[in-house]
Protein backbone atom coordinates (compact mmCIF):
# COMPACT_ATOMS: atom_id res chain seq x y z
CA UNK A 1 90.14 31.01 89.79
CA UNK A 2 89.16 31.84 93.59
CA UNK A 3 87.59 29.39 95.49
CA UNK A 4 86.01 31.48 98.21
CA UNK A 5 84.97 29.95 101.33
CA UNK A 6 84.99 26.06 101.00
CA UNK A 7 84.97 23.15 103.06
CA UNK A 8 84.99 19.35 102.09
CA UNK A 9 84.78 20.20 98.53
CA UNK A 10 87.20 20.79 95.80
CA UNK A 11 86.38 23.26 92.81
CA UNK A 12 87.46 21.50 89.59
CA UNK A 13 86.15 23.94 86.97
CA UNK A 14 84.33 27.35 86.68
CA UNK A 15 82.71 28.50 83.06
CA UNK A 16 81.03 31.62 82.57
CA UNK A 17 79.06 30.13 79.62
CA UNK A 18 80.42 32.37 76.90
CA UNK A 19 79.34 35.44 79.15
CA UNK A 20 75.97 34.13 79.30
CA UNK A 21 76.17 32.95 82.99
CA UNK A 22 72.86 33.31 84.14
CA UNK A 23 71.35 30.15 85.15
CA UNK A 24 67.63 29.21 85.47
CA UNK A 25 66.32 26.21 87.25
CA UNK A 26 67.21 23.74 84.93
CA UNK A 27 70.23 21.29 84.69
CA UNK A 28 70.26 17.69 83.60
CA UNK A 29 72.67 15.00 82.23
CA UNK A 30 72.84 13.34 78.91
CA UNK A 31 75.27 10.48 78.39
CA UNK A 32 75.22 10.63 74.59
CA UNK A 33 75.68 7.57 72.13
CA UNK A 34 79.51 8.46 71.57
CA UNK A 35 79.62 8.38 75.15
CA UNK A 36 80.08 11.99 75.91
CA UNK A 37 78.61 13.40 78.81
CA UNK A 38 76.51 16.63 78.12
CA UNK A 39 75.19 18.89 80.67
CA UNK A 40 72.08 20.98 79.54
CA UNK A 41 71.59 24.03 81.29
CA UNK A 42 68.27 26.62 81.07
CA UNK A 43 69.00 30.22 81.14
CA UNK A 44 67.47 32.51 83.84
CA UNK A 45 66.54 34.90 81.10
CA UNK A 46 66.90 36.34 77.49
CA UNK A 47 68.49 36.28 74.94
CA UNK A 48 69.77 32.76 75.63
CA UNK A 49 67.39 29.53 75.64
CA UNK A 50 69.80 26.86 76.71
CA UNK A 51 73.09 26.00 76.51
CA UNK A 52 75.03 22.38 76.11
CA UNK A 53 78.22 21.78 77.92
CA UNK A 54 80.81 18.98 77.28
CA UNK A 55 81.62 17.87 80.67
CA UNK A 56 83.24 14.42 80.07
CA UNK A 57 86.55 15.85 81.59
CA UNK A 58 84.79 18.00 84.56
CA UNK A 59 87.79 19.81 84.81
CA UNK A 60 87.42 21.11 81.48
CA UNK A 61 83.93 22.16 80.52
CA UNK A 62 83.23 23.11 77.04
CA UNK A 63 80.21 24.79 75.55
CA UNK A 64 79.47 23.03 72.30
CA UNK A 65 75.81 24.59 71.93
CA UNK A 66 73.56 27.60 72.79
CA UNK A 67 70.47 28.40 71.58
CA UNK A 68 68.59 31.67 71.37
CA UNK A 69 64.96 32.42 72.60
CA UNK A 70 62.34 33.64 70.02
CA UNK A 71 62.34 37.04 71.44
CA UNK A 72 63.14 38.99 74.81
CA UNK A 73 59.79 38.76 76.45
CA UNK A 74 60.16 35.31 77.42
CA UNK A 75 62.54 32.67 79.18
CA UNK A 76 63.49 29.18 79.30
CA UNK A 77 63.89 28.84 83.23
CA UNK A 78 63.64 25.04 83.25
CA UNK A 79 64.58 21.76 81.11
CA UNK A 80 65.01 17.71 81.49
CA UNK A 81 66.76 15.27 79.51
CA UNK A 82 65.26 11.61 79.01
CA UNK A 83 67.50 9.95 76.63
CA UNK A 84 68.15 11.65 73.42
CA UNK A 85 65.21 13.80 74.07
CA UNK A 86 65.42 17.36 75.56
CA UNK A 87 62.20 19.06 77.20
CA UNK A 88 62.34 23.13 77.63
CA UNK A 89 59.76 25.32 79.35
CA UNK A 90 58.91 28.59 78.18
CA UNK A 91 57.37 31.05 80.23
CA UNK A 92 56.36 34.60 78.82
CA UNK A 93 56.31 38.04 80.42
CA UNK A 94 53.20 39.29 78.94
CA UNK A 95 49.92 37.16 79.33
CA UNK A 96 48.54 35.80 76.03
CA UNK A 97 51.89 35.53 74.27
CA UNK A 98 51.72 32.59 71.83
CA UNK A 99 55.28 31.26 72.84
CA UNK A 100 54.22 29.89 76.10
CA UNK A 101 54.07 26.10 76.30
CA UNK A 102 56.94 23.38 76.14
CA UNK A 103 59.15 22.34 73.18
CA UNK A 104 60.56 18.73 72.53
CA UNK A 105 64.11 18.81 71.23
CA UNK A 106 65.90 16.12 69.47
CA UNK A 107 69.37 15.95 70.87
CA UNK A 108 71.13 13.08 69.33
CA UNK A 109 73.74 15.21 67.75
CA UNK A 110 74.04 17.59 70.76
CA UNK A 111 75.99 20.16 68.78
CA UNK A 112 72.66 20.50 66.86
CA UNK A 113 69.37 20.26 68.71
CA UNK A 114 66.54 19.68 66.53
CA UNK A 115 62.93 20.52 67.51
CA UNK A 116 60.69 17.87 67.35
CA UNK A 117 57.27 19.37 68.49
CA UNK A 118 55.89 22.57 70.48
CA UNK A 119 53.21 22.16 73.07
CA UNK A 120 51.20 25.45 73.55
CA UNK A 121 49.73 26.65 76.64
CA UNK A 122 49.13 30.04 75.86
CA UNK A 123 45.90 31.88 76.76
CA UNK A 124 44.50 35.33 77.79
CA UNK A 125 45.59 34.33 81.70
CA UNK A 126 48.63 32.17 80.96
CA UNK A 127 52.39 32.89 81.36
CA UNK A 128 52.97 29.30 80.00
CA UNK A 129 55.50 27.01 81.58
CA UNK A 130 57.67 27.80 84.85
CA UNK A 131 59.19 24.25 85.86
CA UNK A 132 58.64 20.81 84.30
CA UNK A 133 59.87 17.38 85.40
CA UNK A 134 60.56 14.65 82.75
CA UNK A 135 62.13 11.25 83.73
CA UNK A 136 60.50 8.28 82.31
CA UNK A 137 60.38 9.48 78.59
CA UNK A 138 56.52 9.05 78.83
CA UNK A 139 55.22 11.95 80.41
CA UNK A 140 55.81 15.51 81.39
CA UNK A 141 54.54 16.99 84.80
CA UNK A 142 54.64 20.52 84.63
CA UNK A 143 53.78 23.89 86.39
CA UNK A 144 51.57 25.94 83.91
CA UNK A 145 48.98 28.32 82.71
CA UNK A 146 46.32 27.02 80.42
CA UNK A 147 44.16 28.73 77.39
CA UNK A 148 41.13 27.38 79.33
CA UNK A 149 42.07 28.26 83.04
CA UNK A 150 41.18 31.48 84.17
CA UNK A 151 42.18 32.15 88.09
CA UNK A 152 40.29 34.16 90.47
CA UNK A 153 43.44 35.69 91.69
CA UNK A 154 46.02 36.89 88.85
CA UNK A 155 49.09 35.18 90.47
CA UNK A 156 47.05 31.70 90.76
CA UNK A 157 47.69 30.98 87.35
CA UNK A 158 49.88 27.95 86.91
CA UNK A 159 48.52 24.66 87.76
CA UNK A 160 49.52 21.20 87.85
CA UNK A 161 49.51 19.45 84.11
CA UNK A 162 50.28 16.02 83.18
CA UNK A 163 51.00 15.86 79.39
CA UNK A 164 51.78 12.47 77.33
CA UNK A 165 54.89 12.44 75.23
CA UNK A 166 54.93 8.86 74.31
CA UNK A 167 54.31 10.02 70.89
CA UNK A 168 56.59 13.19 71.12
CA UNK A 169 55.59 14.58 67.82
CA UNK A 170 51.80 14.67 68.87
CA UNK A 171 51.84 15.72 72.57
CA UNK A 172 48.41 15.55 74.41
CA UNK A 173 47.47 16.76 77.91
CA UNK A 174 46.57 13.50 80.13
CA UNK A 175 45.32 15.39 83.19
CA UNK A 176 45.54 18.66 85.42
CA UNK A 177 45.19 19.41 88.97
CA UNK A 178 44.91 22.81 90.73
CA UNK A 179 44.18 23.93 94.47
CA UNK A 180 40.67 24.12 95.14
CA UNK A 181 39.42 27.49 95.00
CA UNK A 182 41.73 28.91 92.83
CA UNK A 183 39.81 28.44 89.32
CA UNK A 184 37.32 31.25 88.69
CA UNK A 185 34.43 28.61 88.46
CA UNK A 186 35.38 26.89 91.69
CA UNK A 187 32.56 26.50 94.11
CA UNK A 188 35.02 26.39 96.85
CA UNK A 189 36.47 29.88 98.50
CA UNK A 190 39.68 31.27 97.39
CA UNK A 191 42.24 30.45 99.59
CA UNK A 192 43.05 33.51 102.15
CA UNK A 193 46.11 35.08 100.98
CA UNK A 194 49.29 34.54 103.52
CA UNK A 195 49.62 38.22 103.82
CA UNK A 196 47.85 41.06 102.63
CA UNK A 197 48.19 43.55 99.79
CA UNK A 198 50.08 45.59 98.57
CA UNK A 199 52.44 43.52 96.51
CA UNK A 200 55.79 45.43 97.33
CA UNK A 201 55.28 44.50 100.71
CA UNK A 202 54.93 40.70 100.07
CA UNK A 203 57.25 38.51 102.46
CA UNK A 204 56.11 35.32 100.59
CA UNK A 205 55.21 34.23 97.23
CA UNK A 206 51.52 35.26 97.74
CA UNK A 207 50.56 32.71 95.14
CA UNK A 208 48.36 29.84 95.30
CA UNK A 209 50.17 28.06 92.41
CA UNK A 210 52.33 25.17 91.25
CA UNK A 211 56.09 25.37 91.38
CA UNK A 212 57.57 21.89 91.21
CA UNK A 213 55.94 18.24 90.49
CA UNK A 214 57.84 15.51 91.23
CA UNK A 215 56.96 11.93 90.16
CA UNK A 216 59.54 8.98 90.41
CA UNK A 217 59.06 5.80 88.26
CA UNK A 218 59.53 3.54 91.29
CA UNK A 219 56.27 5.06 92.83
CA UNK A 220 54.20 6.03 89.31
CA UNK A 221 51.09 6.85 91.27
CA UNK A 222 52.26 9.37 93.25
CA UNK A 223 52.89 13.15 92.64
CA UNK A 224 55.00 15.41 95.11
CA UNK A 225 53.86 19.08 94.63
CA UNK A 226 55.20 22.09 95.84
CA UNK A 227 52.75 24.61 95.60
CA UNK A 228 54.07 28.13 96.73
CA UNK A 229 52.10 29.46 99.31
CA UNK A 230 49.82 26.26 99.55
CA UNK A 231 52.52 24.16 100.74
CA UNK A 232 53.11 20.54 100.11
CA UNK A 233 50.83 18.06 98.20
CA UNK A 234 50.82 14.41 97.71
CA UNK A 235 48.27 13.50 95.08
CA UNK A 236 47.06 10.06 93.89
CA UNK A 237 47.78 10.02 89.90
CA UNK A 238 46.82 6.35 89.32
CA UNK A 239 44.28 7.95 87.05
CA UNK A 240 45.98 10.83 85.74
CA UNK A 241 42.72 12.37 84.21
CA UNK A 242 41.50 12.58 87.77
CA UNK A 243 44.33 13.27 90.19
CA UNK A 244 43.17 13.07 94.09
CA UNK A 245 44.66 14.82 97.15
CA UNK A 246 46.21 11.88 99.41
CA UNK A 247 47.53 14.69 101.91
CA UNK A 248 48.89 18.23 102.89
CA UNK A 249 51.47 20.16 104.73
CA UNK A 250 51.89 23.69 104.85
CA UNK A 251 53.82 25.81 107.37
CA UNK A 252 52.32 28.79 105.84
CA UNK A 253 51.48 30.97 107.99
CA UNK A 254 53.34 32.07 110.52
CA UNK A 255 56.20 30.94 107.94
CA UNK A 256 56.58 33.15 104.85
CA UNK A 257 55.17 31.16 101.72
CA UNK A 258 56.78 29.81 98.70
CA UNK A 259 56.87 25.67 98.86
CA UNK A 260 59.11 24.91 95.83
CA UNK A 261 60.26 21.38 95.90
CA UNK A 262 58.80 18.19 97.61
CA UNK A 263 61.47 15.43 97.64
CA UNK A 264 60.31 11.66 99.02
CA UNK A 265 62.87 9.59 100.32
CA UNK A 266 61.13 6.53 99.87
CA UNK A 267 63.03 3.80 101.47
CA UNK A 268 63.46 5.72 105.03
CA UNK A 269 59.68 7.20 104.97
CA UNK A 270 60.96 11.00 104.82
CA UNK A 271 60.09 13.95 102.65
CA UNK A 272 62.36 16.91 102.07
CA UNK A 273 60.76 20.22 101.47
CA UNK A 274 62.35 23.27 100.51
CA UNK A 275 60.75 27.14 100.68
CA UNK A 276 62.45 29.45 98.30
CA UNK A 277 63.67 32.59 99.08
CA UNK A 278 62.44 35.39 96.82
CA UNK A 279 63.88 38.73 98.27
CA UNK A 280 66.88 40.21 98.68
CA UNK A 281 68.24 41.56 102.09
CA UNK A 282 66.48 38.85 103.98
CA UNK A 283 63.19 40.60 103.61
CA UNK A 284 61.56 36.98 103.54
CA UNK A 285 63.74 35.38 106.21
CA UNK A 286 63.20 32.61 107.56
CA UNK A 287 63.26 30.53 104.38
CA UNK A 288 64.11 27.15 105.42
CA UNK A 289 64.42 23.45 104.02
CA UNK A 290 62.33 21.14 106.14
CA UNK A 291 62.32 17.41 106.74
CA UNK A 292 58.97 15.57 107.31
CA UNK A 293 57.92 12.15 108.87
CA UNK A 294 55.97 10.55 105.95
CA UNK A 295 55.67 7.08 107.21
CA UNK A 296 52.36 7.90 107.36
CA UNK A 297 51.62 9.78 103.98
CA UNK A 298 48.37 10.91 105.13
CA UNK A 299 49.88 12.47 108.26
CA UNK A 300 53.03 14.59 107.36
CA UNK A 301 54.80 15.54 110.59
CA UNK A 302 57.74 18.40 110.04
CA UNK A 303 60.80 16.81 112.61
CA UNK A 304 63.46 19.12 111.54
CA UNK A 305 65.22 21.63 109.28
CA UNK A 306 68.69 21.99 107.78
CA UNK A 307 70.85 23.99 109.45
CA UNK A 308 71.77 27.55 107.64
CA UNK A 309 74.95 29.63 108.34
CA UNK A 310 74.51 32.38 110.77
CA UNK A 311 71.88 35.07 109.57
CA UNK A 312 73.78 38.10 110.51
CA UNK A 313 76.93 37.18 108.53
CA UNK A 314 74.75 36.32 105.07
CA UNK A 315 72.10 38.49 105.10
CA UNK A 316 74.36 41.47 104.99
CA UNK A 317 76.47 39.85 102.03
CA UNK A 318 73.56 40.94 99.32
CA UNK A 319 71.01 39.15 97.18
CA UNK A 320 68.88 36.38 98.44
CA UNK A 321 69.60 34.29 101.57
CA UNK A 322 67.55 31.29 102.29
CA UNK A 323 66.61 27.88 100.77
CA UNK A 324 66.11 27.31 96.98
CA UNK A 325 66.74 23.84 95.13
CA UNK A 326 67.93 20.35 96.18
CA UNK A 327 69.52 17.62 94.06
CA UNK A 328 66.18 15.82 93.32
CA UNK A 329 67.41 12.12 93.14
CA UNK A 330 66.05 11.87 89.71
CA UNK A 331 66.69 8.61 87.52
CA UNK A 332 69.62 8.35 85.00
CA UNK A 333 72.89 9.56 85.57
CA UNK A 334 72.10 11.04 88.85
CA UNK A 335 73.42 10.96 92.09
CA UNK A 336 71.11 9.14 94.61
CA UNK A 337 71.10 9.05 98.16
CA UNK A 338 68.83 9.25 101.15
CA UNK A 339 71.15 10.30 103.68
CA UNK A 340 73.05 12.94 101.80
CA UNK A 341 71.16 16.37 100.68
CA UNK A 342 72.73 18.51 98.28
CA UNK A 343 71.29 21.80 97.79
CA UNK A 344 72.01 25.48 96.55
CA UNK A 345 71.08 28.35 98.93
CA UNK A 346 71.80 31.44 97.11
CA UNK A 347 74.36 33.54 98.71
CA UNK A 348 75.09 30.92 101.21
CA UNK A 349 76.20 28.77 98.28
CA UNK A 350 76.03 24.93 97.67
CA UNK A 351 75.81 23.23 100.85
CA UNK A 352 75.86 19.54 101.84
CA UNK A 353 74.08 17.73 104.36
CA UNK A 354 74.46 14.58 106.29
CA UNK A 355 70.82 13.53 107.33
CA UNK A 356 71.48 10.05 108.77
CA UNK A 357 69.80 11.47 111.84
CA UNK A 358 67.00 13.32 110.32
CA UNK A 359 66.39 14.90 113.77
CA UNK A 360 69.64 16.47 113.80
CA UNK A 361 70.82 16.91 110.23
CA UNK A 362 74.66 18.25 110.11
CA UNK A 363 76.39 20.49 107.33
CA UNK A 364 79.23 17.98 106.35
CA UNK A 365 80.38 20.41 103.21
CA UNK A 366 79.92 23.66 101.34
CA UNK A 367 81.06 26.26 98.78
CA UNK A 368 80.42 29.78 98.75
CA UNK A 369 82.16 31.56 95.90
CA UNK A 370 82.78 35.40 95.65
CA UNK A 371 80.46 37.26 94.07
CA UNK A 372 80.72 36.76 90.23
CA UNK A 373 81.37 39.93 87.82
CA UNK A 374 78.32 41.68 86.15
CA UNK A 375 76.28 40.36 88.83
CA UNK A 376 73.31 42.74 89.69
CA UNK A 377 73.76 41.81 93.52
CA UNK A 378 77.45 41.79 94.86
CA UNK A 379 77.36 38.04 96.19
CA UNK A 380 77.00 34.62 94.66
CA UNK A 381 73.23 33.54 94.17
CA UNK A 382 73.32 29.89 93.53
CA UNK A 383 70.26 28.97 91.93
CA UNK A 384 70.40 25.38 90.85
CA UNK A 385 72.24 22.24 91.34
CA UNK A 386 72.87 18.73 89.87
CA UNK A 387 75.17 16.07 90.67
CA UNK A 388 75.74 12.88 88.66
CA UNK A 389 76.07 9.20 89.61
CA UNK A 390 79.95 9.79 90.15
CA UNK A 391 79.39 12.58 92.95
CA UNK A 392 80.30 15.41 90.47
CA UNK A 393 78.06 18.55 91.47
CA UNK A 394 77.26 20.91 88.85
CA UNK A 395 76.03 24.46 90.21
CA UNK A 396 74.61 27.36 88.73
CA UNK A 397 74.73 31.44 89.75
CA UNK A 398 71.39 32.98 89.00
CA UNK A 399 72.80 36.21 87.30
CA UNK A 400 76.40 35.93 85.80
CA UNK A 401 78.66 33.14 87.44
CA UNK A 402 77.61 30.67 85.14
CA UNK A 403 78.57 26.92 85.96
CA UNK A 404 80.85 25.83 88.95
CA UNK A 405 81.84 21.92 88.98
CA UNK A 406 82.73 20.49 92.30
CA UNK A 407 83.80 17.22 93.84
CA UNK A 408 83.12 16.38 97.50
CA UNK A 409 86.25 15.57 99.53
CA UNK A 410 84.87 13.55 102.64
């Protein structure tokens, strides 16, 4: 087991998930009733739906469950665990397929997940659910198409939806919001595209649709949205049936699009905003992770970006190079810090930052393994990261590397 490039971290274990090592944007931890710690992992694409990995001993992870998708024209890119309920997002590759939506599973017996209910978001202009957030046991906040939503532009299809799951056998929509001007019936003009057509020349996402919606139980009336080329939004969701804009910030353009995650650091009045790299070989460089001053939530001010390694060194490695996911300080068996930021940066691996001084963030640790076997690119593509309350870091490669388990050594 080669460590690759590593600083102030220890590689505890590596597991290729029975040869299905393509990890999506979903990792979440369950502490089972018998005390076992199960890491649930969404897969980047078919044939697998999700995997359950016993990480009670993080040096000896064991796959205890792997499930299959209904067919090869769909993916379960995202998932979340709350108690003994697992929520899984289904996105289809062809508009109108009926499998688009979200499914709840009873995982009280982790080896044998049992479907509780499926909520369909299928429709003639819907690809279903790309990403979801489920941390309070009551509501799922998700990016999805809908049967009654027709976008003005086909790539603006996934909007913010709030799903009430307090009765998991009868899920209902509690509210929705979309960027004004993106729905066919909107009176507002459609937002100007970040860059011109054609699609193959895109440097950003060229889409005004939702990626992430984060809502924290400590501040249940605020939703923090990463709206791809629309930038970052804060919404007031006190009335979930009628979300309202509190503030909006976007660097797009001149910077290339694809705002991914908007993570508040409430005690410090800061917000972390990541812009996802979506092109290989630096074609959409730079994709940055920003630090915003949010003490006045109606006037978000960028004050710095997280440092990345030398561009020349990593662009030539292959695959994507730039920001993606950060560990999101979710409730549960989860690491929580307002000074240490853990992120995954595709071929720049897992990187850890000290932001005690938010104007001068510092890289304090990193792990960049060698490119895994059977990957479609020669370099690692770290796609997802989760850290538990003990500081153990779980990271996943996008194409074939599977699960890497790390420990900070600082």
